[in-house]
Amino acid sequence: MRIPNSALPTDVYRAAQTRELDRLAIQDYGIPGLCLMERAGAACFGLLRQRWSAVGSIGVLCGLGNNAGDGYVIARLAHIAGCAVQVWQVGDAAKLQGDALSSWRNLLAVGVTPQPFQPAALAGVDVVVDALLGTGLDRPLQGVWREAVEAVNASGLPALAVDIPTGLHADTGAVLGAAIQADVTVSFIGLKLGLLTGLGPACCGQIYFDGLQAPAAAYERIRPAAERLDRRIAQSIPPRQRSAHKGDFGHVLIVGGEHGYSGAAQLAGSAAARAGAGKVSLATRAFHAGWLNLTQPELMCHGVENRDELQALLDRADVVAAGPGLGRGLWGRSLLQAVLNCGKPLVLDADALNLLAEDSFPSLERRLEQAVLTPHPGEAGRLLQISTAAVEADRPAAAAAIQARFGGVCVLKGAGTLIADGASLAVCSAGNPGMACGGMGDVLTGVIAALLGQGYPPLEAARIGVCLHAAAGDLAAQDGERGLLPSDVIAKLRCF
C-alpha cells in the first residue's frame, strides 16, 4: 500500500499550476486520469491505515469533482480491506463526470452505495475522510457544503483531507467561510502554496505529499510559484575561517528603545550578537543607555537624543536595524529620517514601518533597495492602507505589493512567513505557535541584521534569517510551546 512522503518538496505551486501539471501528465505523457486517481486514493488509504491502525469504521465525505473521485477510491479500498465504510454524497451524483464517475461506478461494483450526508451519521465512524471539494474553490462555502464542513468540525472526529481541506483557498491560505480542520492532509502532484501560509497550517495538520509518479518532464515546463524553505537553509551557513576576526562579520547598529520600550531594542541587539555579528551597538534613549547592557555586556549602548548624535553611530555601522521600541513620537521620527538617508543596508520593523505608513511622515526620496522590511499583518495593512483581514485574505499579494511599493525585500511574518523580492517568493514551513508572543519580531530583526553584516545580500539574509529564527524557535519549543520566550529563541541561535 502506498504511503505518501512526510518530507515535503521545495517547489510550491498555485492551484492553476497543479491543474496544468495534472493535464500534462494525462494528455502529454499518457498517464490515464483514472490511474492518477487510483494512485491518490491508494496513498490516502495507506496513510490512513498507518496513522489510525486500529480504526474500525471510516466515513468518506464526497462532492462532485475529481476530489470526490479520490474519495470513492479510498472507500473502495477500505471496504475491500475489511473496514466498515460509509460514503456520504453532498450534491447530486447525477452530475458526476469523467474519472470521478468511473470511480463512483467502481465503488458501486463492490457493494458500497453512497448516501446523502446527515450529520447524525458521524456518530457511527471513527475517522472522516474529506473528499468534498478540491483546489478549485474560490468563493465562500454556502448551503449543504458549509453545513457538512461545520458538522465534521463539531464532531471532534479525526479527519484526513484529500489534497486540500475543503474551504481552504489553495493559493492564499485563507478560509472561505469555513474549512475542515484536518489532522493530516495529503497533497498531490504539486504542493499548494495555501497549505503553507495563513490559516493553511492550522487547517491542514501534518502535511504529506505524493507526486503520483508524474513525470519529471512535466515539472520542467511549469515554473513554481514559490520555494518552500525550512531549517535546512539555516544549516547552510558555512563554518568560519580559522583566521577570522570581528571585523569580518559586520558592525550592526540597532536604533530603538523609546521610553518604556527598551526591551525591544535589547532583544534585537542580543539576537544580532547570537546570530554572529562582529559588533553590536544600540542607539537608544540616554535614560536607558547606562543600564541596558547589564545582562548583555557585549552590547555597546549609546544614549542618543537627536538626529545629530545618531549620525556618528550611523557612520561607523555596516548595517542599521530600526524600529524595535522606536515609538512614533518626535524622537523616533527624527532618528528614522536619519536612518533612511544613511546609505547603509537596513532592516526596518515595528514602529519604523508604522511611521513609514503615516501620511505625515516625509515621502521616501528613493526606493529602499538595500532594505529588508519585516511587517506582521497589522503593519502590512498600515503600509498598504488596507485592513489586517485584507492582508490575511491574500498574503502573497500583500507581500508582493509592499515590495513593489518600497523596494528591497518584504518579509511578511506570521504562520508560513513569506519572503518576496519582486522576482521570487519563498515560504518558510518551519516555526511554531509558541513563537506568537511579543518580542519575537525584534529577535528576527536582529538575526537578519547580523546576516547582512556578515556579507549576505538582502534577499539571502532574509531567507536564511527567517529560517534560522524559525529553526531556533522549533528547537526551543522542544521544552514546550506555551510560555516560549524570545530569549529562549536567542539562546538556540548558536545551534546552527
Protein backbone atom coordinates (compact mmCIF):
# COMPACT_ATOMS: atom_id res chain seq x y z
CA MET A 1 0.00 0.00 0.00
CA ARG A 2 1.33 3.44 -0.93
CA ILE A 3 2.44 5.73 1.90
CA PRO A 4 2.92 9.42 0.95
CA ASN A 5 6.08 11.23 1.95
CA SER A 6 6.21 13.49 5.00
CA ALA A 7 9.37 15.14 3.61
CA LEU A 8 7.84 17.91 1.54
CA PRO A 9 9.27 19.17 -1.76
CA THR A 10 10.78 22.62 -2.09
CA ASP A 11 8.77 23.60 -5.17
CA VAL A 12 5.39 25.15 -4.37
CA TYR A 13 2.58 25.80 -6.85
CA ARG A 14 -0.69 27.65 -7.25
CA ALA A 15 -3.88 25.73 -7.93
CA ALA A 16 -3.96 26.53 -11.66
CA GLN A 17 -0.39 25.29 -11.99
CA THR A 18 -1.17 21.97 -10.32
CA ARG A 19 -4.13 21.51 -12.63
CA GLU A 20 -1.82 22.15 -15.56
CA LEU A 21 0.67 19.60 -14.21
CA ASP A 22 -2.19 17.14 -13.95
CA ARG A 23 -3.26 17.90 -17.53
CA LEU A 24 0.28 17.47 -18.84
CA ALA A 25 0.66 14.12 -17.10
CA ILE A 26 -2.57 12.89 -18.68
CA GLN A 27 -2.55 14.43 -22.16
CA ASP A 28 1.13 14.81 -23.00
CA TYR A 29 2.68 11.92 -21.09
CA GLY A 30 -0.05 9.33 -21.41
CA ILE A 31 -0.97 8.62 -17.80
CA PRO A 32 -4.72 7.94 -17.64
CA GLY A 33 -6.58 10.26 -15.29
CA LEU A 34 -8.20 7.29 -13.61
CA CYS A 35 -4.72 5.89 -12.91
CA LEU A 36 -3.74 9.10 -11.15
CA MET A 37 -6.97 8.93 -9.17
CA GLU A 38 -6.26 5.35 -8.12
CA ARG A 39 -2.77 6.36 -7.01
CA ALA A 40 -4.13 9.27 -5.00
CA GLY A 41 -6.74 7.11 -3.29
CA ALA A 42 -4.18 4.41 -2.51
CA ALA A 43 -1.81 6.98 -0.99
CA CYS A 44 -4.55 8.35 1.26
CA PHE A 45 -5.75 4.95 2.37
CA GLY A 46 -2.19 3.83 3.06
CA LEU A 47 -1.61 6.86 5.28
CA LEU A 48 -4.98 6.41 6.98
CA ARG A 49 -4.15 2.84 7.96
CA GLN A 50 -0.69 3.88 9.14
CA ARG A 51 -1.96 6.83 11.17
CA TRP A 52 -5.05 5.13 12.64
CA SER A 53 -4.10 1.46 12.62
CA ALA A 54 -6.91 0.42 14.95
CA VAL A 55 -9.65 2.20 13.03
CA GLY A 56 -12.77 0.13 12.53
CA SER A 57 -15.09 2.43 10.61
CA ILE A 58 -14.47 5.19 8.09
CA GLY A 59 -16.73 7.92 6.81
CA VAL A 60 -15.89 9.41 3.40
CA LEU A 61 -17.42 12.76 2.53
CA CYS A 62 -17.59 13.26 -1.26
CA GLY A 63 -18.59 16.10 -3.56
CA LEU A 64 -18.86 16.09 -7.35
CA GLY A 65 -15.36 16.61 -8.79
CA ASN A 66 -12.10 14.69 -9.00
CA ASN A 67 -11.59 15.19 -5.28
CA ALA A 68 -14.72 13.08 -4.81
CA GLY A 69 -13.28 10.51 -7.21
CA ASP A 70 -10.27 10.12 -4.93
CA GLY A 71 -12.70 9.63 -2.05
CA TYR A 72 -14.55 6.86 -3.87
CA VAL A 73 -11.22 5.06 -4.41
CA ILE A 74 -10.40 5.36 -0.71
CA ALA A 75 -13.81 3.99 0.24
CA ARG A 76 -13.49 1.07 -2.17
CA LEU A 77 -10.03 0.13 -0.90
CA ALA A 78 -11.19 0.41 2.71
CA HIS A 79 -14.19 -1.84 2.02
CA ILE A 80 -12.02 -4.44 0.29
CA ALA A 81 -9.63 -4.33 3.28
CA GLY A 82 -12.50 -5.19 5.62
CA CYS A 83 -13.22 -1.78 7.12
CA ALA A 84 -16.76 -0.63 7.78
CA VAL A 85 -17.29 2.22 5.33
CA GLN A 86 -19.90 4.90 4.95
CA VAL A 87 -19.79 7.17 1.91
CA TRP A 88 -21.74 10.41 2.12
CA GLN A 89 -22.67 12.23 -1.04
CA VAL A 90 -23.02 16.01 -1.00
CA GLY A 91 -24.51 17.26 -4.24
CA ASP A 92 -26.37 15.35 -6.96
CA ALA A 93 -24.39 12.29 -8.03
CA ALA A 94 -26.09 12.53 -11.43
CA LYS A 95 -23.72 15.44 -12.14
CA LEU A 96 -20.60 13.29 -11.79
CA GLN A 97 -18.47 13.14 -14.93
CA GLY A 98 -15.30 11.60 -16.29
CA ASP A 99 -12.92 9.82 -13.95
CA ALA A 100 -14.98 10.72 -10.87
CA LEU A 101 -17.98 8.99 -12.41
CA SER A 102 -15.85 5.93 -13.22
CA SER A 103 -14.64 5.77 -9.61
CA TRP A 104 -18.23 6.09 -8.37
CA ARG A 105 -19.25 3.14 -10.55
CA ASN A 106 -16.29 1.10 -9.33
CA LEU A 107 -17.41 1.77 -5.75
CA LEU A 108 -20.93 0.60 -6.53
CA ALA A 109 -19.49 -2.55 -8.09
CA VAL A 110 -18.04 -3.69 -4.74
CA GLY A 111 -21.34 -3.17 -2.97
CA VAL A 112 -20.93 0.29 -1.40
CA THR A 113 -23.62 2.85 -2.21
CA PRO A 114 -23.12 6.49 -1.24
CA GLN A 115 -25.88 8.02 0.85
CA PRO A 116 -26.93 11.65 1.35
CA PHE A 117 -24.97 13.23 4.18
CA GLN A 118 -26.68 13.55 7.55
CA PRO A 119 -24.71 14.99 10.48
CA ALA A 120 -26.05 12.24 12.76
CA ALA A 121 -24.19 9.66 10.67
CA LEU A 122 -20.88 10.96 12.01
CA ALA A 123 -21.59 9.19 15.29
CA GLY A 124 -21.07 5.85 13.57
CA VAL A 125 -17.48 6.32 12.33
CA ASP A 126 -14.00 6.61 13.80
CA VAL A 127 -12.30 8.72 11.11
CA VAL A 128 -13.61 11.13 8.47
CA VAL A 129 -12.07 11.48 5.01
CA ASP A 130 -12.64 14.91 3.48
CA ALA A 131 -13.01 14.45 -0.30
CA LEU A 132 -15.64 17.13 -0.61
CA LEU A 133 -14.08 19.96 -2.64
CA GLY A 134 -10.64 20.40 -4.12
CA THR A 135 -8.40 23.27 -5.18
CA GLY A 136 -10.92 24.98 -7.45
CA LEU A 137 -12.87 26.64 -4.64
CA ASP A 138 -12.67 30.45 -4.88
CA ARG A 139 -15.75 31.70 -3.02
CA PRO A 140 -17.18 31.22 0.47
CA LEU A 141 -18.81 27.91 1.24
CA GLN A 142 -22.58 28.02 1.47
CA GLY A 143 -25.56 25.73 1.94
CA VAL A 144 -25.09 21.99 2.34
CA TRP A 145 -21.35 22.27 1.67
CA ARG A 146 -20.78 24.54 4.62
CA GLU A 147 -23.17 22.55 6.81
CA ALA A 148 -21.17 19.39 6.12
CA VAL A 149 -17.87 21.08 6.95
CA GLU A 150 -19.19 22.56 10.19
CA ALA A 151 -20.70 19.22 11.22
CA VAL A 152 -17.38 17.42 10.75
CA ASN A 153 -15.52 20.07 12.75
CA ALA A 154 -18.12 19.96 15.53
CA SER A 155 -17.91 16.17 15.75
CA GLY A 156 -14.36 16.20 17.08
CA LEU A 157 -13.51 13.21 14.88
CA PRO A 158 -10.04 12.94 13.38
CA ALA A 159 -10.01 13.89 9.71
CA LEU A 160 -7.85 13.24 6.69
CA ALA A 161 -8.10 15.85 3.92
CA VAL A 162 -7.64 14.74 0.32
CA ASP A 163 -5.33 17.19 -1.49
CA ILE A 164 -6.60 20.21 0.50
CA PRO A 165 -9.03 20.75 3.38
CA THR A 166 -12.39 21.76 1.99
CA GLY A 167 -12.90 25.51 2.41
CA LEU A 168 -9.21 26.47 2.32
CA HIS A 169 -8.08 28.66 -0.58
CA ALA A 170 -5.31 26.78 -2.37
CA ASP A 171 -3.35 29.92 -3.32
CA THR A 172 -3.70 32.21 -0.31
CA GLY A 173 -4.24 30.05 2.78
CA ALA A 174 -7.43 31.98 3.59
CA VAL A 175 -10.52 30.21 4.90
CA LEU A 176 -13.52 30.71 2.63
CA GLY A 177 -16.26 30.95 5.23
CA ALA A 178 -15.48 27.62 6.91
CA ALA A 179 -12.87 24.92 6.41
CA ILE A 180 -12.24 21.36 7.52
CA GLN A 181 -9.86 21.19 10.47
CA ALA A 182 -7.85 18.18 9.36
CA ASP A 183 -5.35 16.15 11.34
CA VAL A 184 -3.47 15.21 8.18
CA THR A 185 -3.59 16.43 4.59
CA VAL A 186 -2.19 14.62 1.57
CA SER A 187 -1.24 16.99 -1.26
CA PHE A 188 -0.89 15.62 -4.79
CA ILE A 189 1.09 16.45 -7.94
CA GLY A 190 2.19 19.91 -6.71
CA LEU A 191 2.47 21.21 -3.15
CA LYS A 192 -0.04 24.07 -2.85
CA LEU A 193 1.03 27.47 -1.54
CA GLY A 194 -2.13 27.89 0.52
CA LEU A 195 -1.33 24.84 2.62
CA LEU A 196 1.80 26.52 3.98
CA THR A 197 0.78 30.07 4.86
CA GLY A 198 -2.03 31.97 6.60
CA LEU A 199 -4.59 29.59 8.05
CA GLY A 200 -3.33 26.74 5.88
CA PRO A 201 -1.09 25.14 8.51
CA ALA A 202 -3.87 25.30 11.11
CA CYS A 203 -6.38 23.64 8.76
CA CYS A 204 -4.04 21.01 7.30
CA GLY A 205 -2.50 19.44 10.38
CA GLN A 206 0.50 17.39 9.28
CA ILE A 207 1.07 17.65 5.55
CA TYR A 208 2.16 14.76 3.36
CA PHE A 209 2.96 14.80 -0.34
CA ASP A 210 2.67 12.34 -3.20
CA GLY A 211 3.61 13.32 -6.75
CA LEU A 212 1.59 10.35 -8.10
CA GLN A 213 4.58 9.42 -10.27
CA ALA A 214 4.02 12.36 -12.58
CA PRO A 215 6.97 12.57 -15.00
CA ALA A 216 9.81 14.96 -14.25
CA ALA A 217 9.45 16.43 -17.74
CA ALA A 218 6.06 17.87 -16.78
CA TYR A 219 7.57 19.80 -13.89
CA GLU A 220 10.26 21.22 -16.15
CA ARG A 221 7.53 23.00 -18.12
CA ILE A 222 5.99 24.81 -15.13
CA ARG A 223 7.89 27.38 -13.08
CA PRO A 224 6.94 27.01 -9.39
CA ALA A 225 5.08 29.90 -7.79
CA ALA A 226 7.25 29.82 -4.69
CA GLU A 227 10.04 27.97 -2.90
CA ARG A 228 9.49 26.23 0.42
CA LEU A 229 12.21 26.95 2.97
CA ASP A 230 12.90 25.05 6.18
CA ARG A 231 15.65 24.57 8.74
CA ARG A 232 18.00 23.18 6.12
CA ILE A 233 18.54 26.74 4.90
CA ALA A 234 19.65 27.73 8.39
CA GLN A 235 22.09 24.84 8.40
CA SER A 236 23.69 26.07 5.15
CA ILE A 237 25.74 28.80 6.87
CA PRO A 238 29.39 27.82 6.28
CA PRO A 239 31.89 27.49 9.15
CA ARG A 240 34.12 30.45 9.85
CA GLN A 241 37.69 30.65 8.65
CA ARG A 242 40.25 30.00 11.37
CA SER A 243 41.81 33.41 10.66
CA ALA A 244 38.51 35.31 11.10
CA HIS A 245 38.27 38.44 13.25
CA LYS A 246 35.35 40.56 14.40
CA GLY A 247 35.74 42.99 11.54
CA ASP A 248 34.80 40.25 9.10
CA PHE A 249 31.29 39.94 10.50
CA GLY A 250 29.97 43.45 10.48
CA HIS A 251 29.01 46.18 12.91
CA VAL A 252 25.23 46.21 13.47
CA LEU A 253 23.53 49.29 14.86
CA ILE A 254 20.09 48.86 16.45
CA VAL A 255 18.07 52.08 16.60
CA GLY A 256 15.16 51.99 19.03
CA GLY A 257 14.17 51.81 22.65
CA GLU A 258 11.90 54.78 23.35
CA HIS A 259 10.96 55.36 26.99
CA GLY A 260 9.20 52.23 28.21
CA TYR A 261 10.33 50.08 25.27
CA SER A 262 13.99 49.41 25.94
CA GLY A 263 13.47 45.65 25.94
CA ALA A 264 12.67 45.54 22.23
CA ALA A 265 15.97 47.14 21.29
CA GLN A 266 17.87 44.87 23.69
CA LEU A 267 16.24 41.75 22.22
CA ALA A 268 17.20 42.81 18.70
CA GLY A 269 20.75 43.54 19.79
CA SER A 270 21.12 40.28 21.67
CA ALA A 271 19.78 38.33 18.69
CA ALA A 272 22.22 40.08 16.36
CA ALA A 273 25.10 39.13 18.64
CA ARG A 274 23.97 35.49 18.89
CA ALA A 275 23.46 35.33 15.11
CA GLY A 276 27.11 36.15 14.60
CA ALA A 277 27.50 39.91 14.19
CA GLY A 278 31.06 41.05 14.85
CA LYS A 279 29.93 44.06 16.90
CA VAL A 280 26.53 45.32 18.01
CA SER A 281 25.70 48.86 19.08
CA LEU A 282 22.41 50.18 20.41
CA ALA A 283 21.28 53.76 19.83
CA THR A 284 18.63 54.35 22.47
CA ARG A 285 17.32 56.89 24.93
CA ALA A 286 20.05 58.23 27.22
CA PHE A 287 17.99 57.15 30.22
CA HIS A 288 18.37 53.51 29.12
CA ALA A 289 21.95 53.51 27.91
CA GLY A 290 23.57 53.30 31.32
CA TRP A 291 21.98 50.02 32.31
CA LEU A 292 20.62 48.39 29.16
CA ASN A 293 23.62 46.11 28.75
CA LEU A 294 23.77 44.89 32.34
CA THR A 295 22.51 41.45 31.25
CA GLN A 296 24.26 41.57 27.86
CA PRO A 297 27.59 43.33 28.35
CA GLU A 298 28.61 42.60 24.76
CA LEU A 299 26.19 45.29 23.56
CA MET A 300 27.58 48.81 23.19
CA CYS A 301 24.79 51.10 24.35
CA HIS A 302 24.75 54.78 23.40
CA GLY A 303 22.43 57.46 24.65
CA VAL A 304 21.08 59.31 21.63
CA GLU A 305 18.59 62.15 21.96
CA ASN A 306 18.62 63.65 18.50
CA ARG A 307 19.50 63.07 14.89
CA ASP A 308 22.89 64.75 15.11
CA GLU A 309 24.01 62.45 17.93
CA LEU A 310 22.92 59.44 15.88
CA GLN A 311 24.92 60.42 12.80
CA ALA A 312 28.31 59.45 14.23
CA LEU A 313 26.99 55.96 15.04
CA LEU A 314 25.47 55.61 11.57
CA ASP A 315 28.82 56.48 10.01
CA ARG A 316 30.58 53.68 11.90
CA ALA A 317 27.95 50.99 11.34
CA ASP A 318 27.85 48.50 8.47
CA VAL A 319 24.16 47.67 8.90
CA VAL A 320 21.34 49.51 10.63
CA ALA A 321 18.17 47.98 12.07
CA ALA A 322 15.49 50.47 13.07
CA GLY A 323 12.12 50.02 14.70
CA PRO A 324 12.25 47.84 17.82
CA GLY A 325 10.71 50.04 20.51
CA LEU A 326 11.31 53.14 18.37
CA GLY A 327 7.96 54.73 19.10
CA ARG A 328 6.07 57.14 16.86
CA GLY A 329 6.93 60.37 18.61
CA LEU A 330 9.27 63.16 17.54
CA TRP A 331 12.33 61.25 18.78
CA GLY A 332 11.57 58.18 16.71
CA ARG A 333 10.60 60.20 13.64
CA SER A 334 13.82 62.19 13.68
CA LEU A 335 16.02 59.10 14.09
CA LEU A 336 14.22 57.19 11.37
CA GLN A 337 14.71 60.02 8.88
CA ALA A 338 18.43 59.85 9.52
CA VAL A 339 18.44 56.07 9.17
CA LEU A 340 16.63 56.16 5.83
CA ASN A 341 19.22 58.57 4.44
CA CYS A 342 22.33 56.81 5.76
CA GLY A 343 23.01 54.72 2.65
CA LYS A 344 23.61 51.52 4.63
CA PRO A 345 21.80 48.17 4.35
CA LEU A 346 18.71 48.36 6.54
CA VAL A 347 16.27 46.20 8.44
CA LEU A 348 13.01 48.02 9.16
CA ASP A 349 10.49 46.66 11.63
CA ALA A 350 7.80 47.66 14.11
CA ASP A 351 7.48 51.43 14.56
CA ALA A 352 9.84 52.15 11.66
CA LEU A 353 7.17 50.57 9.45
CA ASN A 354 4.33 52.27 11.29
CA LEU A 355 5.99 55.63 10.74
CA LEU A 356 6.55 54.90 7.06
CA ALA A 357 2.83 54.21 6.77
CA GLU A 358 1.78 57.56 8.22
CA ASP A 359 0.69 60.27 5.81
CA SER A 360 2.57 62.84 7.88
CA PHE A 361 5.91 61.07 7.51
CA PRO A 362 8.10 62.53 4.73
CA SER A 363 7.92 60.68 1.43
CA LEU A 364 10.87 58.48 0.55
CA GLU A 365 13.33 60.07 -1.84
CA ARG A 366 14.18 56.68 -3.34
CA ARG A 367 13.19 53.06 -3.10
CA LEU A 368 14.72 51.04 -0.28
CA GLU A 369 16.55 48.55 -2.46
CA GLN A 370 19.07 47.62 0.25
CA ALA A 371 16.42 47.20 2.93
CA VAL A 372 14.55 44.26 4.41
CA LEU A 373 11.09 45.20 5.67
CA THR A 374 9.62 42.77 8.22
CA PRO A 375 5.94 43.61 8.84
CA HIS A 376 3.44 41.49 10.69
CA PRO A 377 -0.05 41.51 9.10
CA GLY A 378 -1.19 44.58 11.04
CA GLU A 379 1.86 46.58 9.97
CA ALA A 380 1.46 45.29 6.43
CA GLY A 381 -2.10 46.57 6.39
CA ARG A 382 -0.97 50.01 7.51
CA LEU A 383 1.74 50.11 4.84
CA LEU A 384 -0.81 49.22 2.15
CA GLN A 385 -3.66 51.24 3.72
CA ILE A 386 -5.89 48.17 3.90
CA SER A 387 -7.24 46.12 6.79
CA THR A 388 -5.37 43.32 8.51
CA ALA A 389 -8.13 40.99 7.33
CA ALA A 390 -7.47 42.02 3.74
CA VAL A 391 -3.78 41.21 4.17
CA GLU A 392 -4.59 37.77 5.56
CA ALA A 393 -7.10 37.15 2.76
CA ASP A 394 -4.19 37.14 0.28
CA ARG A 395 -0.81 37.11 2.00
CA PRO A 396 1.24 36.50 -1.17
CA ALA A 397 -0.37 39.51 -2.87
CA ALA A 398 0.24 41.70 0.19
CA ALA A 399 3.92 40.75 0.38
CA ALA A 400 4.35 41.45 -3.33
CA ALA A 401 2.54 44.81 -3.04
CA ILE A 402 4.75 46.00 -0.16
CA GLN A 403 7.88 45.06 -2.06
CA ALA A 404 6.62 46.79 -5.19
CA ARG A 405 5.89 49.98 -3.25
CA PHE A 406 9.04 50.24 -1.13
CA GLY A 407 11.62 48.06 -2.90
CA GLY A 408 14.11 45.73 -1.27
CA VAL A 409 12.77 42.59 0.34
CA CYS A 410 9.49 42.12 2.18
CA VAL A 411 9.26 39.55 4.95
CA LEU A 412 5.57 39.14 5.79
CA LYS A 413 5.58 37.45 9.19
CA GLY A 414 3.03 35.00 10.53
CA ALA A 415 2.26 31.33 10.06
CA GLY A 416 4.10 30.49 6.86
CA THR A 417 6.25 33.62 6.71
CA LEU A 418 6.63 34.90 3.14
CA ILE A 419 9.75 36.45 1.60
CA ALA A 420 9.25 38.49 -1.59
CA ASP A 421 11.83 40.45 -3.59
CA GLY A 422 9.85 41.25 -6.74
CA ALA A 423 11.30 38.35 -8.72
CA SER A 424 10.68 35.44 -6.37
CA LEU A 425 8.53 34.28 -3.49
CA ALA A 426 9.51 31.93 -0.69
CA VAL A 427 7.54 30.50 2.20
CA CYS A 428 9.03 29.17 5.44
CA SER A 429 7.40 26.00 6.72
CA ALA A 430 9.36 25.93 10.00
CA GLY A 431 8.36 27.64 13.23
CA ASN A 432 5.60 27.00 15.76
CA PRO A 433 2.73 28.81 17.52
CA GLY A 434 4.77 29.18 20.67
CA MET A 435 6.58 31.96 18.83
CA ALA A 436 3.40 34.05 18.76
CA CYS A 437 4.39 36.46 21.51
CA GLY A 438 5.75 39.95 21.89
CA GLY A 439 9.43 40.36 21.09
CA MET A 440 9.80 37.55 18.55
CA GLY A 441 9.83 40.06 15.72
CA ASP A 442 12.60 42.00 17.43
CA VAL A 443 14.66 38.82 17.50
CA LEU A 444 14.09 38.29 13.77
CA THR A 445 15.17 41.87 13.10
CA GLY A 446 18.46 41.27 14.91
CA VAL A 447 19.08 37.97 13.13
CA ILE A 448 18.57 39.42 9.65
CA ALA A 449 20.70 42.45 10.51
CA ALA A 450 23.51 40.18 11.69
CA LEU A 451 23.43 38.24 8.42
CA LEU A 452 23.53 41.45 6.40
CA GLY A 453 26.58 42.43 8.44
CA GLN A 454 28.23 39.13 7.57
CA GLY A 455 28.01 39.95 3.89
CA TYR A 456 24.81 38.28 2.77
CA PRO A 457 22.77 40.31 0.25
CA PRO A 458 19.29 41.37 1.43
CA LEU A 459 17.31 38.51 -0.13
CA GLU A 460 19.67 35.82 1.12
CA ALA A 461 19.89 37.43 4.56
CA ALA A 462 16.09 37.48 4.75
CA ARG A 463 15.70 33.87 3.63
CA ILE A 464 18.38 32.49 5.93
CA GLY A 465 17.33 34.76 8.78
CA VAL A 466 13.68 33.72 8.68
CA CYS A 467 14.65 30.04 8.66
CA LEU A 468 17.29 30.43 11.37
CA HIS A 469 14.78 32.24 13.57
CA ALA A 470 12.12 29.57 12.95
CA ALA A 471 14.50 26.66 13.43
CA ALA A 472 15.77 28.11 16.72
CA GLY A 473 12.13 28.53 17.78
CA ASP A 474 11.39 24.90 16.99
CA LEU A 475 14.42 23.79 18.95
CA ALA A 476 13.38 25.93 21.92
CA ALA A 477 9.83 24.57 21.70
CA GLN A 478 11.01 21.04 22.44
CA ASP A 479 10.56 22.02 26.07
CA GLY A 480 7.00 23.19 25.34
CA GLU A 481 5.35 25.84 23.19
CA ARG A 482 3.35 27.55 25.91
CA GLY A 483 5.46 30.17 27.65
CA LEU A 484 8.15 30.18 24.97
CA LEU A 485 10.04 33.49 25.23
CA PRO A 486 12.12 35.43 22.70
CA SER A 487 15.15 34.96 24.96
CA ASP A 488 14.65 31.19 24.68
CA VAL A 489 14.93 31.50 20.90
CA ILE A 490 18.00 33.72 21.11
CA ALA A 491 19.71 31.08 23.24
CA LYS A 492 19.23 28.48 20.46
CA LEU A 493 20.59 30.59 17.59
CA ARG A 494 24.10 29.29 18.17
CA CYS A 495 22.97 25.72 17.46
CA PHE A 496 23.04 26.30 13.70
